[in-house]
């Protein structure tokens, strides 16, 4: 399963219409993200059309295969598998590859270490993490220290956006949730 987020600037109206009809479009302040869980032929055709309709515009892909794509039940990938997949995605020209969560998974720590020693040719490897925990300082959060130790130019931080997830899942206030995100980013 290949999962990809695509950032498109100034997308052509024809492609925008197709993306809306396929149900894979999400709009977010100033750019479009297409979230693709699988690549059926209709999506492959859409991506081909995007690349050819506006060939003068840049297409940025953010691949999540190494993290989200490996969370399937019964699927286990070795460090060598992850390195081989990352190098293949790099050869394909994918500019951003989400490498996993170094603070939560020892195999991901090793992946980032290996890629510091033998960097990819053009792709940026990106660690994934959540904001700091409620009522903690980001500077003392061990999981975030591991993200910084990955020594990357980019980091993906996911935060809770639904009130229910904040109040019931995190057991904190909406204001503290926003502070957690702000503190983590700074």
Protein backbone atom coordinates (compact mmCIF):
# COMPACT_ATOMS: atom_id res chain seq x y z
CA UNK A 1 0.00 0.00 0.00
CA UNK A 2 1.45 3.37 -1.02
CA UNK A 3 0.20 6.34 0.96
CA UNK A 4 1.07 9.79 -0.24
CA UNK A 5 0.22 13.40 0.49
CA UNK A 6 0.67 15.71 -2.45
CA UNK A 7 1.02 19.48 -2.16
CA UNK A 8 -0.10 21.30 -5.28
CA UNK A 9 0.09 25.04 -5.85
CA UNK A 10 -2.09 26.75 -8.52
CA UNK A 11 -3.77 23.52 -9.56
CA UNK A 12 -5.63 23.47 -12.86
CA UNK A 13 -9.44 23.65 -12.54
CA UNK A 14 -9.92 20.44 -14.55
CA UNK A 15 -7.66 18.51 -12.18
CA UNK A 16 -9.33 20.14 -9.17
CA UNK A 17 -12.72 18.92 -10.43
CA UNK A 18 -11.42 15.39 -10.94
CA UNK A 19 -9.85 15.36 -7.48
CA UNK A 20 -13.12 16.45 -5.87
CA UNK A 21 -15.05 13.73 -7.70
CA UNK A 22 -12.59 11.01 -6.63
CA UNK A 23 -13.06 11.99 -2.99
CA UNK A 24 -9.36 12.30 -2.28
CA UNK A 25 -9.17 16.08 -2.03
CA UNK A 26 -8.71 18.04 1.17
CA UNK A 27 -8.20 21.80 1.03
CA UNK A 28 -6.00 23.46 3.61
CA UNK A 29 -5.02 27.14 3.74
CA UNK A 30 -3.33 28.01 0.49
CA UNK A 31 -2.62 24.56 -0.87
CA UNK A 32 -4.25 21.27 -1.68
CA UNK A 33 -3.45 17.93 -0.17
CA UNK A 34 -4.52 14.75 -1.90
CA UNK A 35 -4.54 11.85 0.55
CA UNK A 36 -4.21 8.56 -1.23
CA UNK A 37 -4.57 5.29 0.68
CA UNK A 38 -4.16 3.04 -2.33
CA UNK A 39 -3.38 3.69 -5.94
CA UNK A 40 -6.30 2.41 -8.00
CA UNK A 41 -6.10 3.04 -11.72
CA UNK A 42 -8.33 6.14 -11.45
CA UNK A 43 -5.88 7.74 -9.02
CA UNK A 44 -2.88 6.74 -11.12
CA UNK A 45 -4.58 8.39 -14.09
CA UNK A 46 -5.28 11.49 -11.99
CA UNK A 47 -1.64 11.75 -10.93
CA UNK A 48 -0.50 11.35 -14.53
CA UNK A 49 -2.91 14.07 -15.59
CA UNK A 50 -1.69 16.39 -12.82
CA UNK A 51 1.89 15.93 -13.93
CA UNK A 52 1.13 16.59 -17.59
CA UNK A 53 -1.57 19.30 -17.42
CA UNK A 54 0.67 21.75 -15.57
CA UNK A 55 4.14 20.45 -16.29
CA UNK A 56 5.65 23.88 -15.60
CA UNK A 57 4.42 23.72 -12.01
CA UNK A 58 6.18 21.73 -9.34
CA UNK A 59 4.54 18.67 -7.78
CA UNK A 60 5.65 17.80 -4.24
CA UNK A 61 4.96 14.33 -2.88
CA UNK A 62 5.19 13.32 0.77
CA UNK A 63 5.35 9.56 1.06
CA UNK A 64 4.28 7.79 4.28
CA UNK A 65 5.02 4.21 3.25
CA UNK A 66 7.78 3.70 5.87
CA UNK A 67 5.51 4.69 8.77
CA UNK A 68 1.82 4.51 7.97
CA UNK A 69 2.23 1.98 5.19
CA UNK A 70 3.93 -0.51 7.52
CA UNK A 71 1.23 -0.48 10.22
CA UNK A 72 -0.81 -3.24 8.61
CA UNK A 73 -1.60 -6.24 10.75
CA UNK A 74 0.83 -9.06 10.08
CA UNK A 75 3.29 -6.86 8.18
CA UNK A 76 6.81 -6.58 9.54
CA UNK A 77 9.67 -4.83 7.79
CA UNK A 78 13.30 -4.97 8.78
CA UNK A 79 15.68 -2.03 8.96
CA UNK A 80 17.18 -3.24 5.68
CA UNK A 81 13.70 -3.30 4.11
CA UNK A 82 13.07 0.28 5.25
CA UNK A 83 16.41 1.44 3.86
CA UNK A 84 15.76 -0.32 0.54
CA UNK A 85 12.27 1.26 0.29
CA UNK A 86 13.65 4.72 1.16
CA UNK A 87 16.37 4.45 -1.47
CA UNK A 88 13.87 3.30 -4.10
CA UNK A 89 11.52 6.21 -3.28
CA UNK A 90 14.54 8.52 -3.51
CA UNK A 91 15.38 7.11 -6.97
CA UNK A 92 11.77 7.69 -8.03
CA UNK A 93 12.15 11.37 -7.17
CA UNK A 94 9.88 11.53 -4.13
CA UNK A 95 11.10 14.69 -2.34
CA UNK A 96 9.81 13.91 1.18
CA UNK A 97 9.82 10.48 2.82
CA UNK A 98 8.30 10.07 6.24
CA UNK A 99 10.74 7.76 7.98
CA UNK A 100 8.79 6.95 11.12
CA UNK A 101 8.81 7.97 14.76
CA UNK A 102 12.35 7.81 16.20
CA UNK A 103 11.16 8.44 19.77
CA UNK A 104 8.70 5.57 19.73
CA UNK A 105 10.39 2.90 17.63
CA UNK A 106 14.02 1.74 17.99
CA UNK A 107 14.04 0.53 14.36
CA UNK A 108 13.18 4.08 13.27
CA UNK A 109 16.06 5.47 15.37
CA UNK A 110 18.38 3.11 13.49
CA UNK A 111 16.87 4.18 10.15
CA UNK A 112 17.64 7.85 10.82
CA UNK A 113 21.16 7.01 12.05
CA UNK A 114 21.84 4.96 8.91
CA UNK A 115 20.57 7.75 6.67
CA UNK A 116 22.79 10.27 8.45
CA UNK A 117 25.76 8.03 7.62
CA UNK A 118 24.65 7.27 4.05
CA UNK A 119 22.24 10.07 3.00
CA UNK A 120 19.66 9.79 0.26
CA UNK A 121 20.53 11.43 -3.06
CA UNK A 122 17.72 13.99 -3.28
CA UNK A 123 14.87 13.08 -0.89
CA UNK A 124 14.48 14.55 2.56
CA UNK A 125 13.79 11.97 5.28
CA UNK A 126 11.20 13.32 7.73
CA UNK A 127 10.54 12.11 11.29
CA UNK A 128 6.96 11.92 12.55
CA UNK A 129 5.82 12.81 16.06
CA UNK A 130 3.06 14.17 18.24
CA UNK A 131 3.21 17.40 20.24
CA UNK A 132 4.45 17.32 23.80
CA UNK A 133 2.22 15.82 26.47
CA UNK A 134 -0.22 17.95 28.50
CA UNK A 135 1.34 20.02 31.28
CA UNK A 136 4.89 19.14 30.25
CA UNK A 137 7.57 21.33 28.69
CA UNK A 138 8.53 20.41 25.13
CA UNK A 139 12.18 20.92 26.07
CA UNK A 140 12.00 18.04 28.58
CA UNK A 141 9.96 15.64 26.43
CA UNK A 142 12.09 12.52 25.68
CA UNK A 143 10.12 11.70 22.51
CA UNK A 144 10.88 15.15 21.09
CA UNK A 145 14.56 14.85 22.01
CA UNK A 146 14.71 11.75 19.80
CA UNK A 147 13.15 13.75 16.94
CA UNK A 148 15.81 16.44 17.31
CA UNK A 149 18.52 13.77 17.46
CA UNK A 150 17.37 12.57 14.02
CA UNK A 151 19.00 15.80 12.69
CA UNK A 152 16.62 16.41 9.79
CA UNK A 153 15.59 19.62 8.05
CA UNK A 154 11.88 18.74 8.30
CA UNK A 155 9.63 17.26 10.99
CA UNK A 156 5.99 16.17 10.75
CA UNK A 157 4.03 17.00 13.89
CA UNK A 158 0.46 15.76 14.13
CA UNK A 159 -1.86 17.43 16.59
CA UNK A 160 -5.40 16.72 17.67
CA UNK A 161 -8.00 18.85 15.90
CA UNK A 162 -11.25 17.31 17.10
CA UNK A 163 -12.53 18.50 20.47
CA UNK A 164 -13.44 14.94 21.49
CA UNK A 165 -9.91 13.69 20.87
CA UNK A 166 -8.53 16.53 22.97
CA UNK A 167 -10.91 16.33 25.92
CA UNK A 168 -11.43 12.55 26.03
CA UNK A 169 -8.27 11.15 24.43
CA UNK A 170 -5.68 13.58 25.78
CA UNK A 171 -7.72 14.48 28.87
CA UNK A 172 -6.85 18.14 28.54
CA UNK A 173 -8.42 21.46 27.60
CA UNK A 174 -8.63 22.91 24.10
CA UNK A 175 -6.40 25.81 25.21
CA UNK A 176 -3.74 23.40 26.53
CA UNK A 177 -3.92 21.43 23.27
CA UNK A 178 -3.08 24.57 21.29
CA UNK A 179 -0.30 25.40 23.76
CA UNK A 180 1.11 21.86 23.35
CA UNK A 181 1.29 22.35 19.58
CA UNK A 182 2.75 25.86 19.85
CA UNK A 183 5.37 24.81 22.41
CA UNK A 184 6.39 21.79 20.31
CA UNK A 185 6.80 23.85 17.14
CA UNK A 186 8.83 26.56 18.87
